[in-house]
N, C-alpha and C. Protein backbone atom coordinates (compact mmCIF):
# COMPACT_ATOMS: atom_id res chain seq x y z
N MET A 1 0.82 -1.08 0.24
CA MET A 1 0.09 -0.17 -0.26
C MET A 1 1.18 1.16 -0.03
N LYS A 2 1.89 1.23 0.74
CA LYS A 2 3.03 2.41 1.10
C LYS A 2 3.80 2.65 -0.62
N LEU A 3 4.06 1.63 -0.78
CA LEU A 3 4.56 1.47 -2.29
C LEU A 3 3.70 1.70 -3.38
N ARG A 4 2.73 1.52 -3.16
CA ARG A 4 1.75 2.48 -4.46
C ARG A 4 1.43 3.57 -4.36
N ALA A 5 1.53 4.38 -2.68
CA ALA A 5 1.62 5.89 -2.53
C ALA A 5 2.48 6.68 -3.36
N VAL A 6 3.59 6.10 -2.78
CA VAL A 6 4.75 6.80 -3.34
C VAL A 6 4.76 6.67 -4.72
N ALA A 7 4.38 5.47 -5.74
CA ALA A 7 4.60 5.93 -6.91
C ALA A 7 3.42 6.42 -7.87
N VAL A 8 2.16 6.61 -6.92
CA VAL A 8 0.88 7.63 -7.41
C VAL A 8 1.74 9.11 -7.32
N LEU A 9 2.27 9.11 -6.09
CA LEU A 9 3.26 10.48 -5.53
C LEU A 9 3.93 11.11 -6.50
N VAL A 10 4.84 10.24 -6.81
CA VAL A 10 6.00 10.68 -7.90
C VAL A 10 5.40 10.48 -9.15
N ALA A 11 4.51 10.45 -9.43
CA ALA A 11 3.62 10.41 -10.83
C ALA A 11 2.99 11.74 -11.06
N VAL A 12 2.25 12.23 -9.65
CA VAL A 12 1.57 13.54 -9.83
C VAL A 12 3.05 14.44 -9.87
N LEU A 13 3.99 14.57 -8.99
CA LEU A 13 4.96 15.30 -8.84
C LEU A 13 5.84 15.56 -10.38
N LEU A 14 6.35 14.40 -11.40
CA LEU A 14 6.52 14.49 -12.45
C LEU A 14 5.45 15.16 -13.58
N ALA A 15 4.13 14.98 -13.36
CA ALA A 15 2.89 15.17 -14.44
C ALA A 15 3.00 16.99 -13.63
N ALA A 16 3.34 17.43 -13.08
CA ALA A 16 3.01 18.92 -12.32
C ALA A 16 4.39 19.74 -12.98
N CYS A 17 5.31 18.78 -12.99
CA CYS A 17 6.39 19.77 -13.32
C CYS A 17 6.84 19.40 -14.92
N SER A 18 6.44 18.41 -15.54
CA SER A 18 6.25 18.76 -17.22
C SER A 18 5.07 19.69 -17.73
N LYS A 19 4.32 19.81 -17.08
CA LYS A 19 2.92 21.01 -17.46
C LYS A 19 3.62 22.18 -17.01
N GLN A 20 4.37 22.46 -15.85
CA GLN A 20 4.51 23.78 -15.41
C GLN A 20 5.63 24.23 -16.44
N SER A 21 6.52 23.05 -17.33
CA SER A 21 7.81 23.70 -17.51
C SER A 21 6.85 24.61 -18.83
N GLY A 22 6.05 24.47 -19.66
CA GLY A 22 5.59 25.48 -20.56
C GLY A 22 6.52 25.00 -21.99
N TRP A 23 7.34 24.45 -21.88
CA TRP A 23 7.85 24.04 -23.29
C TRP A 23 7.23 22.80 -24.45
N HIS A 24 7.69 23.29 -25.09
CA HIS A 24 7.15 21.89 -26.73
C HIS A 24 8.34 20.74 -26.32
N ALA A 25 9.13 21.39 -26.71
CA ALA A 25 10.74 20.49 -26.91
C ALA A 25 11.17 19.99 -25.68
N THR A 26 11.99 19.79 -25.80
CA THR A 26 12.23 18.70 -24.48
C THR A 26 13.36 19.72 -23.78
N ASP A 27 13.29 19.79 -22.53
CA ASP A 27 13.73 20.83 -21.40
C ASP A 27 14.89 20.05 -21.24
N ILE A 28 16.13 20.73 -21.54
CA ILE A 28 17.06 19.89 -21.35
C ILE A 28 18.45 20.96 -20.14
N THR A 29 17.35 21.94 -19.62
CA THR A 29 18.29 22.71 -18.71
C THR A 29 19.34 21.94 -17.76
N GLY A 30 20.68 22.41 -17.64
CA GLY A 30 21.60 21.57 -16.65
C GLY A 30 21.62 20.37 -17.25
N ALA A 31 21.23 19.65 -18.35
CA ALA A 31 21.74 18.47 -18.25
C ALA A 31 22.80 18.44 -19.97
N MET A 32 23.02 19.17 -20.55
CA MET A 32 23.83 19.66 -21.79
C MET A 32 25.08 20.41 -21.42
N PRO A 33 26.11 20.62 -21.84
CA PRO A 33 27.21 21.39 -21.56
C PRO A 33 26.42 22.99 -22.26
N PRO A 34 27.42 24.21 -22.04
CA PRO A 34 26.97 25.35 -22.32
C PRO A 34 27.41 25.27 -23.86
N LEU A 35 27.12 26.02 -24.70
CA LEU A 35 27.81 26.24 -26.30
C LEU A 35 28.81 27.14 -25.97
N VAL A 36 29.87 26.20 -26.94
CA VAL A 36 31.41 26.61 -26.91
C VAL A 36 31.78 26.16 -28.20
N PHE A 37 32.05 26.48 -29.13
CA PHE A 37 33.13 26.42 -30.49
C PHE A 37 33.50 27.53 -30.95
N THR A 38 34.61 27.04 -32.12
CA THR A 38 35.45 28.10 -33.16
C THR A 38 34.76 27.35 -34.33
N MET A 39 34.68 27.81 -35.37
CA MET A 39 34.28 27.95 -36.57
C MET A 39 34.34 29.29 -37.47
N THR A 40 34.45 28.64 -38.77
CA THR A 40 34.47 29.89 -39.84
C THR A 40 32.98 30.21 -40.13
N ARG A 41 32.73 31.15 -40.58
CA ARG A 41 30.98 31.63 -40.81
C ARG A 41 31.62 31.95 -42.24
N ALA A 42 30.41 31.18 -42.99
CA ALA A 42 30.85 30.95 -43.93
C ALA A 42 30.14 32.45 -44.80
N SER A 43 29.25 33.17 -44.21
CA SER A 43 28.97 34.44 -45.16
C SER A 43 30.37 35.63 -45.40
N ASP A 44 30.88 35.21 -44.16
CA ASP A 44 32.11 36.78 -44.25
C ASP A 44 33.60 36.16 -43.75
N GLY A 45 33.84 34.52 -43.71
CA GLY A 45 34.57 34.08 -43.57
C GLY A 45 35.58 34.42 -42.06
N GLU A 46 34.81 34.87 -41.66
CA GLU A 46 35.34 35.04 -39.90
C GLU A 46 35.54 34.06 -38.81
N ILE A 47 36.31 34.10 -38.26
CA ILE A 47 36.30 32.96 -37.44
C ILE A 47 35.27 33.67 -36.03
N VAL A 48 34.58 32.84 -35.84
CA VAL A 48 33.53 32.98 -34.80
C VAL A 48 33.56 31.96 -33.58
N SER A 49 33.25 32.45 -32.37
CA SER A 49 32.91 31.45 -31.65
C SER A 49 31.44 31.95 -30.55
N GLU A 50 31.03 31.16 -29.70
CA GLU A 50 30.05 31.21 -28.92
C GLU A 50 30.12 32.77 -28.09
N ALA A 51 31.12 33.46 -27.91
CA ALA A 51 31.46 34.92 -27.56
C ALA A 51 30.69 35.88 -28.93
N ASP A 52 30.75 35.42 -29.99
CA ASP A 52 30.18 36.36 -30.99
C ASP A 52 28.23 36.38 -31.11
N TYR A 53 27.93 35.30 -30.23
CA TYR A 53 26.68 35.09 -30.18
C TYR A 53 26.08 35.34 -28.98
N ARG A 54 26.56 35.52 -27.98
CA ARG A 54 26.36 35.74 -26.18
C ARG A 54 25.04 37.08 -26.75
N GLY A 55 23.98 36.86 -26.00
CA GLY A 55 22.83 37.91 -26.17
C GLY A 55 21.77 37.27 -27.13
N LYS A 56 22.36 36.59 -28.17
CA LYS A 56 20.68 36.33 -28.84
C LYS A 56 20.77 34.68 -28.60
N ILE A 57 19.43 34.16 -28.61
CA ILE A 57 19.09 33.03 -28.50
C ILE A 57 19.88 32.35 -29.48
N VAL A 58 20.33 31.04 -29.70
CA VAL A 58 21.34 30.18 -30.23
C VAL A 58 20.35 29.06 -30.85
N VAL A 59 19.73 28.86 -32.07
CA VAL A 59 19.17 27.43 -32.47
C VAL A 59 20.52 27.00 -33.20
N LEU A 60 20.88 25.64 -32.60
CA LEU A 60 22.14 25.05 -33.24
C LEU A 60 21.51 23.36 -34.15
N TYR A 61 22.16 23.51 -35.27
CA TYR A 61 21.48 22.20 -36.17
C TYR A 61 22.95 21.98 -37.06
N PHE A 62 22.47 20.50 -37.35
CA PHE A 62 23.96 20.12 -37.90
C PHE A 62 23.36 19.45 -39.65
N GLY A 63 24.05 19.77 -40.62
CA GLY A 63 23.21 19.08 -41.56
C GLY A 63 24.47 19.28 -42.56
N TYR A 64 23.91 19.36 -43.94
CA TYR A 64 24.55 19.59 -45.04
C TYR A 64 23.73 20.17 -46.61
N THR A 65 24.44 20.73 -46.95
CA THR A 65 24.15 21.57 -48.32
C THR A 65 23.28 20.79 -49.46
N HIS A 66 23.50 19.51 -49.48
CA HIS A 66 23.27 18.40 -50.47
C HIS A 66 21.99 17.99 -50.16
N CYS A 67 21.63 17.99 -48.62
CA CYS A 67 20.64 17.23 -47.96
C CYS A 67 19.24 17.20 -49.10
N PRO A 68 18.80 15.77 -49.18
CA PRO A 68 17.37 15.64 -50.00
C PRO A 68 16.59 16.34 -49.34
N ASP A 69 16.37 16.21 -48.20
CA ASP A 69 14.92 16.85 -47.44
C ASP A 69 14.90 17.26 -45.89
N ILE A 70 15.72 16.41 -45.17
CA ILE A 70 15.36 16.79 -43.84
C ILE A 70 16.19 18.23 -43.45
N CYS A 71 17.44 18.54 -43.93
CA CYS A 71 18.09 19.47 -43.56
C CYS A 71 16.94 20.94 -44.04
N PRO A 72 16.93 20.88 -45.19
CA PRO A 72 15.93 21.97 -46.20
C PRO A 72 14.35 22.30 -45.24
N THR A 73 14.06 21.05 -44.96
CA THR A 73 12.83 21.07 -44.02
C THR A 73 12.90 21.72 -42.85
N THR A 74 13.68 21.08 -42.24
CA THR A 74 14.01 21.83 -41.03
C THR A 74 14.64 23.31 -40.81
N LEU A 75 15.08 24.05 -41.80
CA LEU A 75 15.66 24.87 -41.78
C LEU A 75 14.51 26.17 -42.16
N ALA A 76 13.50 25.39 -43.63
CA ALA A 76 12.48 25.97 -43.61
C ALA A 76 11.64 26.51 -42.68
N ASN A 77 11.43 25.39 -41.68
CA ASN A 77 10.36 25.30 -40.41
C ASN A 77 10.68 26.35 -39.28
N LEU A 78 12.46 26.68 -39.00
CA LEU A 78 12.70 27.38 -38.49
C LEU A 78 12.66 28.84 -38.58
N ALA A 79 13.31 28.82 -40.23
CA ALA A 79 13.01 30.44 -40.55
C ALA A 79 11.10 30.54 -40.68
N GLU A 80 10.25 29.51 -40.98
CA GLU A 80 9.07 30.22 -41.10
C GLU A 80 8.61 30.85 -39.36
N ALA A 81 8.82 30.13 -38.70
CA ALA A 81 9.13 30.05 -36.94
C ALA A 81 9.73 31.69 -37.11
N LEU A 82 10.68 31.90 -37.40
CA LEU A 82 11.30 33.43 -36.98
C LEU A 82 10.52 34.23 -37.74
N GLY A 83 9.74 33.84 -39.13
CA GLY A 83 8.80 35.32 -39.58
C GLY A 83 8.00 35.36 -38.50
N LYS A 84 7.22 34.46 -37.92
CA LYS A 84 6.58 34.76 -36.81
C LYS A 84 6.98 35.33 -35.96
N LEU A 85 7.83 35.54 -35.51
CA LEU A 85 8.53 36.52 -34.45
C LEU A 85 8.61 37.73 -34.94
N GLY A 86 8.46 38.32 -35.85
CA GLY A 86 8.42 39.33 -36.33
C GLY A 86 9.76 40.14 -36.18
N ALA A 87 9.80 41.62 -35.31
CA ALA A 87 10.98 41.94 -35.19
C ALA A 87 12.13 41.32 -33.85
N LYS A 88 11.31 40.74 -33.15
CA LYS A 88 11.91 39.79 -32.47
C LYS A 88 12.82 38.86 -32.91
N ALA A 89 12.58 38.55 -33.88
CA ALA A 89 13.45 37.65 -34.58
C ALA A 89 15.31 37.98 -34.51
N ASP A 90 15.33 38.78 -34.58
CA ASP A 90 16.82 39.44 -34.75
C ASP A 90 17.17 39.33 -33.02
N GLY A 91 16.47 38.90 -32.38
CA GLY A 91 17.13 37.87 -31.14
C GLY A 91 17.51 36.80 -31.12
N VAL A 92 17.48 36.31 -32.66
CA VAL A 92 17.80 35.04 -32.43
C VAL A 92 18.86 34.67 -33.68
N ARG A 93 19.57 33.51 -33.37
CA ARG A 93 20.29 33.03 -34.39
C ARG A 93 20.49 31.72 -34.57
N VAL A 94 20.35 31.34 -36.00
CA VAL A 94 20.20 29.66 -36.43
C VAL A 94 21.67 29.42 -36.71
N LEU A 95 22.47 28.48 -36.28
CA LEU A 95 23.59 28.18 -36.44
C LEU A 95 23.56 27.12 -37.57
N PHE A 96 23.62 27.04 -38.31
CA PHE A 96 23.59 25.90 -39.38
C PHE A 96 24.78 25.35 -39.41
N VAL A 97 25.60 24.15 -39.08
CA VAL A 97 26.90 23.98 -38.77
C VAL A 97 27.42 22.34 -40.01
N THR A 98 27.91 22.35 -40.91
CA THR A 98 28.07 21.48 -42.03
C THR A 98 28.81 20.40 -41.45
N VAL A 99 28.12 19.49 -41.79
CA VAL A 99 29.00 17.99 -41.41
C VAL A 99 29.69 17.32 -42.49
N ASP A 100 29.78 18.04 -43.71
CA ASP A 100 30.51 17.73 -44.51
C ASP A 100 30.75 18.91 -45.56
N PRO A 101 31.91 19.64 -44.81
CA PRO A 101 32.71 20.68 -45.20
C PRO A 101 33.78 20.58 -46.64
N ASN A 102 33.76 19.08 -47.10
CA ASN A 102 34.50 19.34 -48.33
C ASN A 102 33.83 19.82 -49.73
N ARG A 103 32.62 19.41 -49.24
CA ARG A 103 31.66 20.09 -50.60
C ARG A 103 31.10 21.07 -50.06
N ASP A 104 30.83 21.88 -48.92
CA ASP A 104 29.98 22.81 -48.87
C ASP A 104 31.22 23.92 -48.35
N THR A 105 31.47 24.48 -49.56
CA THR A 105 32.28 25.41 -49.43
C THR A 105 31.80 26.86 -48.77
N PRO A 106 32.52 27.86 -48.33
CA PRO A 106 31.82 28.93 -48.44
C PRO A 106 31.14 29.27 -49.02
N ASP A 107 30.82 29.67 -50.31
CA ASP A 107 29.98 30.06 -51.14
C ASP A 107 28.73 29.54 -51.16
N LEU A 108 28.99 28.14 -51.35
CA LEU A 108 28.02 27.46 -51.37
C LEU A 108 27.08 27.44 -50.10
N MET A 109 27.80 27.42 -48.83
CA MET A 109 26.87 27.26 -47.58
C MET A 109 26.36 29.02 -47.37
N LYS A 110 26.92 30.26 -47.97
CA LYS A 110 26.36 31.14 -47.80
C LYS A 110 24.86 31.38 -48.44
N GLY A 111 25.01 31.00 -49.88
CA GLY A 111 23.96 31.11 -50.60
C GLY A 111 22.83 30.05 -50.47
N TYR A 112 23.23 28.93 -49.41
CA TYR A 112 22.13 28.00 -48.92
C TYR A 112 21.47 28.48 -47.62
N VAL A 113 22.38 29.18 -46.90
CA VAL A 113 21.42 29.38 -45.90
C VAL A 113 20.84 31.07 -46.26
N ASN A 114 21.11 32.17 -46.75
CA ASN A 114 20.48 32.55 -47.24
C ASN A 114 19.26 32.71 -47.92
N SER A 115 18.94 31.31 -48.48
CA SER A 115 17.96 30.96 -48.92
C SER A 115 16.84 30.93 -47.77
N PHE A 116 16.92 31.17 -46.90
CA PHE A 116 15.87 30.52 -45.77
C PHE A 116 15.66 31.68 -44.69
N ALA A 117 16.96 32.43 -44.23
CA ALA A 117 16.26 33.54 -43.61
C ALA A 117 17.87 34.32 -43.21
N PRO A 118 17.81 36.02 -43.24
CA PRO A 118 18.65 36.47 -42.53
C PRO A 118 19.58 36.28 -41.43
N GLN A 119 18.63 35.49 -40.58
CA GLN A 119 18.99 34.60 -38.95
C GLN A 119 20.11 33.65 -39.04
N VAL A 120 19.95 33.26 -40.38
CA VAL A 120 20.62 31.73 -40.55
C VAL A 120 22.00 31.67 -40.38
N ASN A 121 22.93 31.21 -39.86
CA ASN A 121 24.66 31.67 -40.42
C ASN A 121 24.66 29.99 -40.81
N GLY A 122 25.74 29.87 -41.81
CA GLY A 122 26.18 28.88 -41.82
C GLY A 122 27.52 28.51 -41.39
N LEU A 123 27.97 27.66 -40.58
CA LEU A 123 29.44 27.41 -40.11
C LEU A 123 29.88 26.49 -40.74
N ARG A 124 31.22 26.37 -40.96
CA ARG A 124 32.14 25.30 -41.16
C ARG A 124 33.26 25.43 -40.35
N GLY A 125 34.08 23.87 -40.39
CA GLY A 125 34.97 23.51 -39.31
C GLY A 125 36.00 22.96 -40.15
N THR A 126 37.15 22.59 -39.38
CA THR A 126 38.12 21.80 -39.56
C THR A 126 37.35 20.73 -38.87
N ASP A 127 38.13 19.74 -39.30
CA ASP A 127 37.44 17.95 -38.96
C ASP A 127 37.68 17.79 -37.38
N ASP A 128 38.68 18.84 -36.32
CA ASP A 128 38.87 18.94 -35.28
C ASP A 128 37.97 19.48 -34.38
N GLN A 129 37.52 20.90 -35.30
CA GLN A 129 36.25 21.60 -34.41
C GLN A 129 34.86 20.75 -34.88
N LEU A 130 34.80 20.23 -36.32
CA LEU A 130 33.73 19.49 -36.22
C LEU A 130 33.32 18.42 -35.26
N ALA A 131 34.36 17.80 -34.98
CA ALA A 131 34.20 16.56 -34.33
C ALA A 131 34.05 16.82 -32.79
N ALA A 132 34.74 17.75 -32.69
CA ALA A 132 34.63 18.47 -30.70
C ALA A 132 33.04 19.06 -30.57
N LEU A 133 32.39 19.81 -31.66
CA LEU A 133 31.35 20.54 -31.27
C LEU A 133 30.17 19.14 -31.43
N ALA A 134 30.08 18.09 -32.49
CA ALA A 134 29.38 17.11 -32.57
C ALA A 134 29.56 16.20 -31.12
N ARG A 135 30.38 15.99 -30.94
CA ARG A 135 30.70 15.22 -29.44
C ARG A 135 30.00 15.50 -28.49
N ARG A 136 30.34 17.01 -28.33
CA ARG A 136 29.97 17.93 -27.01
C ARG A 136 28.35 17.77 -27.04
N TYR A 137 27.48 18.06 -28.34
CA TYR A 137 26.48 17.62 -28.12
C TYR A 137 25.82 16.58 -28.51
N ARG A 138 26.87 15.25 -28.32
CA ARG A 138 26.17 13.81 -28.68
C ARG A 138 25.58 13.57 -30.33
N VAL A 139 26.25 14.63 -31.09
CA VAL A 139 25.64 14.62 -32.29
C VAL A 139 26.49 13.59 -33.24
N ALA A 140 25.77 12.32 -33.74
CA ALA A 140 26.51 11.40 -34.67
C ALA A 140 26.26 11.96 -36.24
N TYR A 141 27.35 11.88 -36.62
CA TYR A 141 27.87 12.19 -38.30
C TYR A 141 28.34 11.11 -39.06
N THR A 142 28.37 10.82 -40.08
CA THR A 142 29.47 9.97 -41.06
C THR A 142 29.25 10.63 -42.63
N VAL A 143 30.34 10.74 -42.71
CA VAL A 143 30.54 11.24 -44.56
C VAL A 143 31.70 9.96 -45.29
N THR A 144 30.66 9.41 -45.75
CA THR A 144 31.52 8.45 -46.94
C THR A 144 31.42 9.06 -48.43
N PRO A 145 32.73 9.54 -48.52
CA PRO A 145 33.23 9.56 -50.08
C PRO A 145 33.27 8.69 -50.94
N GLY A 146 33.24 9.07 -52.01
CA GLY A 146 32.88 8.08 -53.62
C GLY A 146 32.30 8.05 -54.22
N PRO A 147 32.06 6.86 -55.24
CA PRO A 147 31.10 7.33 -56.21
C PRO A 147 29.73 7.28 -55.43
N ASN A 148 29.26 6.72 -54.64
CA ASN A 148 27.88 6.77 -53.79
C ASN A 148 28.15 7.41 -52.92
N TYR A 149 28.50 8.98 -52.63
CA TYR A 149 28.58 9.56 -51.58
C TYR A 149 27.80 9.80 -50.75
N GLU A 150 27.82 9.18 -49.19
CA GLU A 150 26.76 9.23 -48.71
C GLU A 150 27.10 9.87 -47.36
N VAL A 151 26.10 10.74 -46.75
CA VAL A 151 26.32 11.71 -45.89
C VAL A 151 24.73 10.95 -44.69
N MET A 152 25.44 11.14 -43.68
CA MET A 152 24.29 10.69 -42.46
C MET A 152 24.42 11.73 -41.30
N HIS A 153 23.46 12.00 -40.85
CA HIS A 153 23.50 12.54 -39.21
C HIS A 153 22.13 12.77 -38.46
N SER A 154 22.82 12.70 -37.19
CA SER A 154 21.26 12.93 -36.19
C SER A 154 20.91 14.18 -36.28
N ASN A 155 19.85 14.17 -36.20
CA ASN A 155 18.50 15.56 -36.55
C ASN A 155 18.06 16.19 -35.20
N ALA A 156 19.12 16.22 -34.58
CA ALA A 156 18.96 17.20 -32.97
C ALA A 156 18.57 18.71 -33.63
N VAL A 157 17.89 19.38 -32.96
CA VAL A 157 18.10 20.78 -33.15
C VAL A 157 18.07 21.06 -31.63
N PHE A 158 19.14 22.05 -31.25
CA PHE A 158 19.53 22.42 -29.89
C PHE A 158 18.98 24.11 -29.64
N PHE A 159 18.48 24.43 -28.40
CA PHE A 159 17.99 25.96 -28.20
C PHE A 159 18.55 26.55 -27.46
N PHE A 160 19.68 27.19 -27.31
CA PHE A 160 20.54 27.61 -26.25
C PHE A 160 19.87 29.09 -25.81
N GLY A 161 19.88 29.59 -24.62
CA GLY A 161 19.42 30.88 -23.93
C GLY A 161 20.71 32.08 -24.64
N ARG A 162 20.45 33.16 -24.15
CA ARG A 162 21.51 34.25 -24.38
C ARG A 162 22.46 34.32 -23.80
N ASP A 163 22.73 33.59 -22.88
CA ASP A 163 24.13 33.30 -22.00
C ASP A 163 24.68 32.28 -22.44
N GLY A 164 24.11 31.22 -23.27
CA GLY A 164 25.14 30.14 -23.81
C GLY A 164 24.61 28.75 -23.43
N ARG A 165 24.03 28.85 -22.41
CA ARG A 165 23.53 27.74 -21.75
C ARG A 165 22.04 26.75 -22.61
N ALA A 166 22.43 25.73 -22.62
CA ALA A 166 21.17 25.10 -23.78
C ALA A 166 20.10 24.41 -22.61
N HIS A 167 19.09 24.86 -23.14
CA HIS A 167 17.49 24.67 -22.52
C HIS A 167 16.72 23.71 -23.34
N LEU A 168 17.00 23.62 -24.50
CA LEU A 168 16.09 22.79 -25.22
C LEU A 168 16.82 22.04 -26.35
N VAL A 169 16.13 20.49 -26.80
CA VAL A 169 16.03 19.90 -27.80
C VAL A 169 15.11 19.55 -28.51
N SER A 170 14.98 18.76 -29.91
CA SER A 170 13.84 18.75 -30.48
C SER A 170 14.50 17.82 -31.61
N THR A 171 13.41 16.54 -32.16
CA THR A 171 14.27 16.10 -33.50
C THR A 171 13.16 16.32 -34.92
N ASP A 172 12.09 17.23 -33.88
CA ASP A 172 10.45 17.41 -34.57
C ASP A 172 10.18 19.15 -35.08
N THR A 173 10.64 19.67 -36.20
CA THR A 173 10.07 20.81 -35.87
C THR A 173 9.27 21.38 -37.12
N LYS A 174 7.92 20.22 -37.24
CA LYS A 174 6.93 20.62 -37.84
C LYS A 174 5.87 21.64 -37.38
N ASP A 175 5.76 21.65 -35.86
CA ASP A 175 4.54 22.27 -35.52
C ASP A 175 5.25 23.96 -34.98
N ILE A 176 5.20 24.33 -36.47
CA ILE A 176 5.61 25.98 -36.43
C ILE A 176 5.28 26.75 -35.34
N GLY A 177 3.61 26.34 -34.65
CA GLY A 177 3.59 27.40 -33.41
C GLY A 177 4.00 26.86 -32.55
N ALA A 178 4.29 25.79 -32.13
CA ALA A 178 5.02 24.95 -30.94
C ALA A 178 6.74 25.89 -31.01
N LEU A 179 7.50 25.89 -32.09
CA LEU A 179 8.25 26.67 -32.43
C LEU A 179 8.64 27.96 -32.11
N THR A 180 7.59 28.70 -32.95
CA THR A 180 7.54 30.21 -32.44
C THR A 180 7.60 30.33 -30.83
N GLU A 181 6.54 29.51 -30.15
CA GLU A 181 6.12 29.56 -28.56
C GLU A 181 7.32 29.42 -27.80
N ASP A 182 8.15 28.13 -28.18
CA ASP A 182 9.52 28.27 -27.52
C ASP A 182 10.67 29.13 -27.53
N LEU A 183 10.27 29.85 -28.92
CA LEU A 183 11.53 30.59 -29.19
C LEU A 183 11.06 31.98 -28.47
N ASN A 184 9.74 32.44 -28.07
CA ASN A 184 9.46 33.59 -27.58
C ASN A 184 9.93 33.63 -26.49
N HIS A 185 9.59 32.32 -25.76
CA HIS A 185 9.76 32.09 -24.21
C HIS A 185 10.98 32.20 -24.04
N LEU A 186 12.16 31.47 -24.68
CA LEU A 186 13.73 31.93 -24.33
C LEU A 186 14.09 33.15 -24.52
N LEU A 187 13.29 34.14 -25.63
CA LEU A 187 13.32 35.37 -25.67
C LEU A 187 13.18 36.45 -24.45
N ASP A 188 12.08 35.65 -23.85
CA ASP A 188 11.53 36.54 -22.75
C ASP A 188 12.09 36.50 -21.60
N MET A 189 12.96 35.43 -21.52
CA MET A 189 13.86 34.88 -20.47
C MET A 189 14.68 35.83 -19.83
């Protein structure tokens, strides 16, 4: 009887916590390390780090420009959510990190990200820089060059607060309203 009461109490407390969070994406506050990286921004060739984005909400996504479906869909969904934010969108930066820097040249990256929204920055890194950032956020990727060139990557989208702390992760960006609400909530923090 005591065990059942404890189980019910734990279930009620967990349900209350999840309802109070108000997030649509998964809350990872305190579970992932803060944003840290050094890479090259494709639009201007500048070496940038997390410090260049302090004060902005940062959305981090790994992909590649030749991706046939998931990457452009994810970036289009994020761009649509940014559009719904209106002037507040200036407080957000989407960092699109290529997992295929051999094919994703700076010019290609620049044109690709510019087709989505002005708040999207394409980032390229050395093999070591890319591996370190992917490992930091447990993002898997492989690139298999050759006649059947293949690229695989996980589809996580990470959301960081103005101070660089990780707050949210999602693998589904289809609900534009939910994305917009989460971004608004982060902007208001």
